[in-house]
Amino acid sequence: MRKLKIEDIESIKKEFLIPEDIASFLGCDKYSINVQAQKNPDKLGFPVVILGSRIRIPKEGFVFWYKYGKSTVLNRNTT
């Protein structure tokens, strides 16, 4: 499997990515992304949506994080 480039990620025709979509781009496996998102999603750096055990990554937020090194959203802890 070839290593993806950011242009490949940008060309994916969906608004939310899954860990499998970005794992090879980041040079890790999808399980590592899942585990980190569940334990401490802030350490990933890019925004994630956690739905039970499912992880979704907003494509626009991921691309912005990659290009500019920061998240596009604020962490809104309500507790």
Protein backbone atom coordinates (compact mmCIF):
# COMPACT_ATOMS: atom_id res chain seq x y z
CA MET A 1 0.00 0.00 0.00
CA ARG A 2 1.42 3.39 -0.96
CA LYS A 3 1.77 6.21 1.51
CA LEU A 4 -0.97 8.79 1.03
CA LYS A 5 -0.32 12.48 0.47
CA ILE A 6 -2.48 15.30 1.83
CA GLU A 7 -3.95 15.74 -1.66
CA ASP A 8 -5.19 12.14 -1.48
CA ILE A 9 -6.91 12.87 1.84
CA GLU A 10 -8.45 16.05 0.43
CA SER A 11 -9.83 14.14 -2.56
CA ILE A 12 -11.75 11.63 -0.42
CA LYS A 13 -15.42 12.19 -1.21
CA LYS A 14 -16.82 12.28 2.31
CA GLU A 15 -16.98 14.82 5.11
CA PHE A 16 -15.91 12.48 7.91
CA LEU A 17 -12.93 10.16 7.72
CA ILE A 18 -12.34 6.99 9.69
CA PRO A 19 -9.01 5.98 11.26
CA GLU A 20 -8.36 3.59 8.38
CA ASP A 21 -8.46 6.54 5.93
CA ILE A 22 -5.61 8.38 7.65
CA ALA A 23 -3.53 5.63 9.28
CA SER A 24 -1.09 5.10 6.41
CA PHE A 25 -0.83 8.87 5.94
CA LEU A 26 0.24 9.22 9.59
CA GLY A 27 2.46 6.15 9.45
CA CYS A 28 0.60 4.18 12.09
CA ASP A 29 -2.15 1.62 12.26
CA LYS A 30 -5.83 2.43 12.68
CA TYR A 31 -5.96 0.72 16.07
CA SER A 32 -3.47 3.24 17.51
CA ILE A 33 -5.71 6.12 16.41
CA ASN A 34 -8.76 4.43 17.95
CA VAL A 35 -7.01 3.82 21.27
CA GLN A 36 -5.64 7.37 21.52
CA ALA A 37 -9.01 8.90 20.58
CA GLN A 38 -10.69 6.90 23.35
CA LYS A 39 -8.03 7.60 26.01
CA ASN A 40 -7.12 11.22 25.33
CA PRO A 41 -8.29 12.70 22.01
CA ASP A 42 -6.56 16.03 22.67
CA LYS A 43 -3.19 14.34 22.20
CA LEU A 44 -4.07 13.48 18.61
CA GLY A 45 -4.00 17.17 17.74
CA PHE A 46 -6.77 16.96 15.17
CA PRO A 47 -10.49 16.98 15.96
CA VAL A 48 -12.33 13.69 16.42
CA VAL A 49 -15.92 12.68 17.04
CA ILE A 50 -16.39 9.68 19.32
CA LEU A 51 -19.64 7.76 18.96
CA GLY A 52 -19.48 4.83 21.37
CA SER A 53 -16.50 2.86 20.09
CA ARG A 54 -16.59 4.50 16.66
CA ILE A 55 -14.20 7.29 15.73
CA ARG A 56 -14.93 9.85 13.04
CA ILE A 57 -12.51 12.56 11.93
CA PRO A 58 -13.87 15.71 10.28
CA LYS A 59 -11.92 15.86 7.01
CA GLU A 60 -11.74 19.65 6.95
CA GLY A 61 -10.41 19.75 10.53
CA PHE A 62 -7.81 17.06 9.82
CA VAL A 63 -6.52 18.83 6.71
CA PHE A 64 -6.38 22.16 8.57
CA TRP A 65 -4.45 20.51 11.42
CA TYR A 66 -1.97 19.00 8.98
CA LYS A 67 -1.40 22.23 7.05
CA TYR A 68 -1.34 24.69 9.96
CA GLY A 69 -0.47 22.53 12.96
CA LYS A 70 -3.52 23.32 15.03
CA SER A 71 -7.11 22.29 15.49
CA THR A 72 -9.95 24.31 14.01
CA VAL A 73 -12.20 23.85 17.02
CA LEU A 74 -12.04 24.73 20.67
CA ASN A 75 -12.20 22.03 23.31
CA ARG A 76 -15.56 22.51 25.02
CA ASN A 77 -15.50 20.63 28.28
CA THR A 78 -18.83 21.04 30.04
CA THR A 79 -17.86 19.27 33.23
